[in-house]
Amino acid sequence: MRFITPRKAAAGLGSAHSGTMHHWAMTVTACALILLTPAFLLVVGSAIGLPREAVVVYFGRPYPGIVTALFVIVGMVHFIKGTRIMIDDYFRGTARKGAIIISVIFGWAVIAVAVFALAKMAFITIAI
């Protein structure tokens, strides 16, 4: 007896209708992080030891700012999806719902703060 309908087999969807899409999202973000992590480390490594004003100017430039923003955004989306998997495995009921809400709020808050800081550095650089 088959538990999956021919339509679901053709669409690649399981019983929850989102497992395949979630797996692909995790795979794509992981591959993006493989490329972004060395670039981010080089960008941050180049800024180590600079005075505050030089760091603001450095991250106000397009390449360091974009690499940093992409790394934070892709990394936190990967974090949100990964914590969702762990929460689904280990929590039940109200604790599960609360943990999901906290992890999503935390992830998007980190993204918002990082992008705001990078944008502020870019606008400060433009004003100089």
N, C-alpha and C. Protein backbone atom coordinates (compact mmCIF):
# COMPACT_ATOMS: atom_id res chain seq x y z
N MET A 1 0.83 -1.18 0.00
CA MET A 1 0.00 0.00 0.00
C MET A 1 0.88 1.25 0.00
N ARG A 2 0.63 2.15 -0.94
CA ARG A 2 1.39 3.40 -1.02
C ARG A 2 0.77 4.45 -0.14
N PHE A 3 1.61 5.15 0.58
CA PHE A 3 1.14 6.22 1.44
C PHE A 3 1.27 7.59 0.80
N ILE A 4 1.82 7.63 -0.38
CA ILE A 4 1.98 8.90 -1.08
C ILE A 4 1.23 8.81 -2.41
N THR A 5 0.49 9.84 -2.71
CA THR A 5 -0.29 9.84 -3.95
C THR A 5 0.63 10.12 -5.13
N PRO A 6 0.21 9.71 -6.33
CA PRO A 6 1.04 10.00 -7.51
C PRO A 6 1.30 11.49 -7.71
N ARG A 7 0.30 12.33 -7.36
CA ARG A 7 0.50 13.77 -7.49
C ARG A 7 1.59 14.26 -6.55
N LYS A 8 1.58 13.79 -5.31
CA LYS A 8 2.62 14.20 -4.35
C LYS A 8 3.98 13.69 -4.78
N ALA A 9 4.03 12.48 -5.34
CA ALA A 9 5.30 11.94 -5.82
C ALA A 9 5.84 12.78 -6.96
N ALA A 10 4.95 13.22 -7.86
CA ALA A 10 5.38 14.04 -8.99
C ALA A 10 5.82 15.43 -8.54
N ALA A 11 5.12 15.98 -7.54
CA ALA A 11 5.46 17.32 -7.05
C ALA A 11 6.62 17.30 -6.07
N GLY A 12 6.96 16.12 -5.55
CA GLY A 12 8.06 16.01 -4.59
C GLY A 12 7.68 16.48 -3.20
N LEU A 13 6.37 16.48 -2.89
CA LEU A 13 5.92 16.95 -1.59
C LEU A 13 5.54 15.76 -0.72
N GLY A 14 5.92 15.81 0.54
CA GLY A 14 5.54 14.78 1.49
C GLY A 14 4.24 15.13 2.17
N SER A 15 4.01 14.52 3.30
CA SER A 15 2.74 14.72 4.00
C SER A 15 2.60 16.13 4.57
N ALA A 16 3.70 16.77 4.91
CA ALA A 16 3.64 18.12 5.48
C ALA A 16 3.63 19.20 4.40
N HIS A 17 3.85 18.82 3.13
CA HIS A 17 3.82 19.73 1.98
C HIS A 17 4.95 20.75 1.97
N SER A 18 5.94 20.64 2.84
CA SER A 18 6.99 21.65 2.83
C SER A 18 8.38 21.08 3.10
N GLY A 19 8.50 19.79 3.31
CA GLY A 19 9.80 19.21 3.65
C GLY A 19 10.84 19.37 2.56
N THR A 20 10.44 19.16 1.32
CA THR A 20 11.38 19.27 0.22
C THR A 20 11.84 20.71 0.04
N MET A 21 10.90 21.65 0.12
CA MET A 21 11.25 23.06 -0.01
C MET A 21 12.17 23.50 1.13
N HIS A 22 11.89 23.01 2.34
CA HIS A 22 12.72 23.36 3.49
C HIS A 22 14.12 22.79 3.31
N HIS A 23 14.21 21.55 2.84
CA HIS A 23 15.51 20.92 2.60
C HIS A 23 16.30 21.71 1.55
N TRP A 24 15.64 22.11 0.46
CA TRP A 24 16.33 22.87 -0.57
C TRP A 24 16.75 24.24 -0.08
N ALA A 25 15.92 24.87 0.73
CA ALA A 25 16.29 26.17 1.29
C ALA A 25 17.52 26.04 2.18
N MET A 26 17.56 25.00 2.99
CA MET A 26 18.74 24.78 3.85
C MET A 26 19.98 24.48 3.00
N THR A 27 19.81 23.70 1.93
CA THR A 27 20.94 23.37 1.06
C THR A 27 21.46 24.61 0.35
N VAL A 28 20.56 25.43 -0.17
CA VAL A 28 20.97 26.64 -0.88
C VAL A 28 21.67 27.62 0.06
N THR A 29 21.11 27.83 1.25
CA THR A 29 21.76 28.76 2.19
C THR A 29 23.10 28.21 2.66
N ALA A 30 23.20 26.90 2.83
CA ALA A 30 24.49 26.31 3.22
C ALA A 30 25.54 26.52 2.13
N CYS A 31 25.16 26.31 0.88
CA CYS A 31 26.10 26.53 -0.23
C CYS A 31 26.48 28.01 -0.34
N ALA A 32 25.52 28.89 -0.13
CA ALA A 32 25.82 30.32 -0.16
C ALA A 32 26.79 30.68 0.96
N LEU A 33 26.59 30.08 2.13
CA LEU A 33 27.50 30.36 3.25
C LEU A 33 28.90 29.81 3.00
N ILE A 34 29.02 28.73 2.24
CA ILE A 34 30.34 28.20 1.89
C ILE A 34 31.12 29.25 1.10
N LEU A 35 30.42 29.97 0.22
CA LEU A 35 31.08 31.01 -0.57
C LEU A 35 31.25 32.31 0.20
N LEU A 36 30.27 32.65 1.01
CA LEU A 36 30.30 33.93 1.71
C LEU A 36 31.24 33.95 2.92
N THR A 37 31.42 32.83 3.59
CA THR A 37 32.23 32.81 4.82
C THR A 37 33.67 33.23 4.57
N PRO A 38 34.38 32.68 3.57
CA PRO A 38 35.76 33.16 3.35
C PRO A 38 35.80 34.65 2.98
N ALA A 39 34.84 35.10 2.17
CA ALA A 39 34.82 36.52 1.80
C ALA A 39 34.58 37.38 3.03
N PHE A 40 33.65 36.95 3.90
CA PHE A 40 33.36 37.70 5.12
C PHE A 40 34.58 37.73 6.04
N LEU A 41 35.27 36.61 6.17
CA LEU A 41 36.46 36.56 7.03
C LEU A 41 37.55 37.48 6.49
N LEU A 42 37.71 37.55 5.18
CA LEU A 42 38.70 38.46 4.60
C LEU A 42 38.31 39.92 4.84
N VAL A 43 37.03 40.21 4.70
CA VAL A 43 36.56 41.58 4.92
C VAL A 43 36.78 41.99 6.37
N VAL A 44 36.36 41.15 7.30
CA VAL A 44 36.52 41.47 8.72
C VAL A 44 37.99 41.47 9.12
N GLY A 45 38.75 40.53 8.56
CA GLY A 45 40.18 40.48 8.86
C GLY A 45 40.91 41.73 8.43
N SER A 46 40.48 42.31 7.34
CA SER A 46 41.10 43.55 6.86
C SER A 46 40.76 44.74 7.75
N ALA A 47 39.66 44.66 8.48
CA ALA A 47 39.24 45.77 9.34
C ALA A 47 39.81 45.68 10.74
N ILE A 48 40.38 44.54 11.11
CA ILE A 48 40.92 44.37 12.46
C ILE A 48 42.10 45.31 12.66
N GLY A 49 42.09 46.02 13.75
CA GLY A 49 43.18 46.91 14.10
C GLY A 49 43.02 48.33 13.59
N LEU A 50 42.01 48.59 12.79
CA LEU A 50 41.79 49.95 12.30
C LEU A 50 41.12 50.79 13.38
N PRO A 51 41.38 52.09 13.40
CA PRO A 51 40.65 52.95 14.34
C PRO A 51 39.17 53.03 13.94
N ARG A 52 38.35 53.51 14.86
CA ARG A 52 36.90 53.53 14.67
C ARG A 52 36.49 54.25 13.39
N GLU A 53 37.06 55.40 13.13
CA GLU A 53 36.69 56.18 11.96
C GLU A 53 37.02 55.42 10.68
N ALA A 54 38.15 54.75 10.67
CA ALA A 54 38.55 53.98 9.49
C ALA A 54 37.63 52.77 9.28
N VAL A 55 37.18 52.15 10.38
CA VAL A 55 36.25 51.02 10.27
C VAL A 55 34.92 51.47 9.69
N VAL A 56 34.44 52.63 10.14
CA VAL A 56 33.18 53.17 9.62
C VAL A 56 33.31 53.44 8.12
N VAL A 57 34.40 54.04 7.71
CA VAL A 57 34.63 54.32 6.29
C VAL A 57 34.77 53.01 5.52
N TYR A 58 35.50 52.04 6.08
CA TYR A 58 35.73 50.75 5.42
C TYR A 58 34.42 50.02 5.17
N PHE A 59 33.56 49.90 6.18
CA PHE A 59 32.29 49.19 6.01
C PHE A 59 31.25 50.04 5.28
N GLY A 60 31.53 51.31 5.09
CA GLY A 60 30.66 52.16 4.28
C GLY A 60 30.89 51.98 2.79
N ARG A 61 32.01 51.36 2.43
CA ARG A 61 32.29 51.06 1.02
C ARG A 61 31.41 49.92 0.55
N PRO A 62 31.13 49.83 -0.75
CA PRO A 62 30.17 48.83 -1.23
C PRO A 62 30.57 47.37 -0.97
N TYR A 63 31.78 46.97 -1.34
CA TYR A 63 32.12 45.55 -1.23
C TYR A 63 32.07 45.04 0.21
N PRO A 64 32.76 45.67 1.17
CA PRO A 64 32.67 45.15 2.54
C PRO A 64 31.25 45.20 3.11
N GLY A 65 30.51 46.25 2.79
CA GLY A 65 29.15 46.37 3.30
C GLY A 65 28.23 45.30 2.73
N ILE A 66 28.31 45.07 1.43
CA ILE A 66 27.46 44.06 0.78
C ILE A 66 27.81 42.66 1.24
N VAL A 67 29.10 42.35 1.31
CA VAL A 67 29.52 41.02 1.77
C VAL A 67 29.05 40.78 3.20
N THR A 68 29.21 41.77 4.06
CA THR A 68 28.77 41.63 5.45
C THR A 68 27.27 41.48 5.54
N ALA A 69 26.52 42.29 4.80
CA ALA A 69 25.06 42.20 4.82
C ALA A 69 24.59 40.85 4.30
N LEU A 70 25.15 40.39 3.20
CA LEU A 70 24.76 39.08 2.67
C LEU A 70 25.08 37.95 3.64
N PHE A 71 26.25 38.02 4.26
CA PHE A 71 26.64 36.98 5.21
C PHE A 71 25.67 36.94 6.40
N VAL A 72 25.33 38.09 6.93
CA VAL A 72 24.43 38.14 8.08
C VAL A 72 23.03 37.67 7.68
N ILE A 73 22.53 38.14 6.56
CA ILE A 73 21.17 37.78 6.14
C ILE A 73 21.07 36.29 5.84
N VAL A 74 21.96 35.78 5.01
CA VAL A 74 21.90 34.36 4.66
C VAL A 74 22.18 33.49 5.89
N GLY A 75 23.14 33.90 6.71
CA GLY A 75 23.45 33.13 7.91
C GLY A 75 22.29 33.08 8.90
N MET A 76 21.61 34.19 9.07
CA MET A 76 20.50 34.19 10.03
C MET A 76 19.27 33.48 9.47
N VAL A 77 19.03 33.54 8.17
CA VAL A 77 17.94 32.75 7.59
C VAL A 77 18.23 31.27 7.77
N HIS A 78 19.48 30.88 7.56
CA HIS A 78 19.90 29.49 7.79
C HIS A 78 19.72 29.12 9.26
N PHE A 79 20.07 30.03 10.16
CA PHE A 79 19.90 29.81 11.59
C PHE A 79 18.42 29.62 11.94
N ILE A 80 17.55 30.47 11.40
CA ILE A 80 16.12 30.38 11.71
C ILE A 80 15.57 29.04 11.25
N LYS A 81 15.92 28.63 10.05
CA LYS A 81 15.42 27.34 9.54
C LYS A 81 16.01 26.17 10.31
N GLY A 82 17.27 26.26 10.69
CA GLY A 82 17.90 25.18 11.46
C GLY A 82 17.36 25.06 12.86
N THR A 83 17.12 26.18 13.51
CA THR A 83 16.55 26.10 14.85
C THR A 83 15.12 25.59 14.80
N ARG A 84 14.41 25.86 13.72
CA ARG A 84 13.05 25.34 13.57
C ARG A 84 13.07 23.81 13.56
N ILE A 85 14.05 23.23 12.89
CA ILE A 85 14.17 21.77 12.87
C ILE A 85 14.43 21.24 14.27
N MET A 86 15.37 21.86 14.99
CA MET A 86 15.67 21.40 16.35
C MET A 86 14.48 21.58 17.27
N ILE A 87 13.80 22.70 17.17
CA ILE A 87 12.64 22.95 18.03
C ILE A 87 11.54 21.93 17.75
N ASP A 88 11.29 21.63 16.48
CA ASP A 88 10.28 20.64 16.13
C ASP A 88 10.62 19.26 16.69
N ASP A 89 11.91 18.95 16.78
CA ASP A 89 12.33 17.64 17.29
C ASP A 89 12.23 17.53 18.80
N TYR A 90 12.49 18.61 19.54
CA TYR A 90 12.65 18.50 20.98
C TYR A 90 11.58 19.17 21.83
N PHE A 91 10.73 20.01 21.25
CA PHE A 91 9.72 20.71 22.03
C PHE A 91 8.32 20.29 21.59
N ARG A 92 7.38 20.40 22.51
CA ARG A 92 5.98 20.10 22.19
C ARG A 92 5.08 21.18 22.78
N GLY A 93 3.91 21.37 22.18
CA GLY A 93 2.89 22.25 22.73
C GLY A 93 3.27 23.71 22.73
N THR A 94 2.94 24.36 23.85
CA THR A 94 3.16 25.80 23.99
C THR A 94 4.65 26.14 24.00
N ALA A 95 5.47 25.28 24.59
CA ALA A 95 6.92 25.53 24.60
C ALA A 95 7.47 25.56 23.18
N ARG A 96 6.96 24.69 22.32
CA ARG A 96 7.38 24.66 20.92
C ARG A 96 7.02 25.97 20.23
N LYS A 97 5.79 26.41 20.40
CA LYS A 97 5.35 27.66 19.77
C LYS A 97 6.15 28.85 20.27
N GLY A 98 6.39 28.91 21.57
CA GLY A 98 7.17 30.00 22.14
C GLY A 98 8.61 30.00 21.66
N ALA A 99 9.21 28.81 21.58
CA ALA A 99 10.60 28.72 21.12
C ALA A 99 10.72 29.12 19.66
N ILE A 100 9.75 28.74 18.85
CA ILE A 100 9.77 29.15 17.43
C ILE A 100 9.65 30.66 17.32
N ILE A 101 8.74 31.25 18.06
CA ILE A 101 8.56 32.70 18.02
C ILE A 101 9.84 33.40 18.46
N ILE A 102 10.46 32.93 19.54
CA ILE A 102 11.68 33.56 20.04
C ILE A 102 12.81 33.45 19.02
N SER A 103 12.98 32.27 18.41
CA SER A 103 14.08 32.09 17.46
C SER A 103 13.87 32.94 16.21
N VAL A 104 12.63 33.05 15.73
CA VAL A 104 12.36 33.86 14.54
C VAL A 104 12.57 35.34 14.86
N ILE A 105 12.07 35.79 15.99
CA ILE A 105 12.25 37.20 16.38
C ILE A 105 13.74 37.51 16.55
N PHE A 106 14.47 36.62 17.20
CA PHE A 106 15.90 36.83 17.39
C PHE A 106 16.62 36.93 16.05
N GLY A 107 16.34 35.99 15.15
CA GLY A 107 17.00 35.99 13.85
C GLY A 107 16.75 37.25 13.05
N TRP A 108 15.48 37.65 12.97
CA TRP A 108 15.16 38.86 12.21
C TRP A 108 15.64 40.12 12.91
N ALA A 109 15.72 40.11 14.22
CA ALA A 109 16.27 41.27 14.95
C ALA A 109 17.76 41.43 14.65
N VAL A 110 18.49 40.32 14.60
CA VAL A 110 19.92 40.39 14.27
C VAL A 110 20.10 40.94 12.85
N ILE A 111 19.27 40.46 11.93
CA ILE A 111 19.34 40.96 10.55
C ILE A 111 19.06 42.46 10.51
N ALA A 112 18.01 42.88 11.20
CA ALA A 112 17.62 44.31 11.19
C ALA A 112 18.72 45.18 11.78
N VAL A 113 19.27 44.78 12.89
CA VAL A 113 20.32 45.57 13.55
C VAL A 113 21.57 45.65 12.67
N ALA A 114 21.97 44.52 12.08
CA ALA A 114 23.18 44.50 11.24
C ALA A 114 23.00 45.36 10.00
N VAL A 115 21.87 45.23 9.33
CA VAL A 115 21.63 46.02 8.12
C VAL A 115 21.50 47.51 8.47
N PHE A 116 20.85 47.81 9.59
CA PHE A 116 20.76 49.21 10.02
C PHE A 116 22.15 49.79 10.28
N ALA A 117 22.99 49.03 10.99
CA ALA A 117 24.34 49.52 11.29
C ALA A 117 25.15 49.72 10.01
N LEU A 118 25.05 48.79 9.07
CA LEU A 118 25.77 48.94 7.80
C LEU A 118 25.25 50.13 7.01
N ALA A 119 23.94 50.31 7.00
CA ALA A 119 23.36 51.46 6.28
C ALA A 119 23.79 52.77 6.93
N LYS A 120 23.83 52.80 8.25
CA LYS A 120 24.25 54.01 8.95
C LYS A 120 25.71 54.34 8.63
N MET A 121 26.56 53.30 8.58
CA MET A 121 27.97 53.53 8.22
C MET A 121 28.08 54.04 6.79
N ALA A 122 27.24 53.51 5.89
CA ALA A 122 27.27 53.97 4.51
C ALA A 122 26.85 55.44 4.40
N PHE A 123 25.81 55.83 5.14
CA PHE A 123 25.35 57.22 5.09
C PHE A 123 26.36 58.16 5.75
N ILE A 124 27.03 57.69 6.78
CA ILE A 124 28.08 58.52 7.40
C ILE A 124 29.21 58.72 6.43
N THR A 125 29.56 57.67 5.69
CA THR A 125 30.64 57.76 4.70
C THR A 125 30.27 58.72 3.58
N ILE A 126 29.02 58.69 3.16
CA ILE A 126 28.55 59.60 2.10
C ILE A 126 28.63 61.05 2.58
N ALA A 127 28.29 61.28 3.85
CA ALA A 127 28.28 62.64 4.39
C ALA A 127 29.68 63.21 4.56
N ILE A 128 30.66 62.34 4.66
CA ILE A 128 32.05 62.82 4.88
C ILE A 128 32.63 63.40 3.64
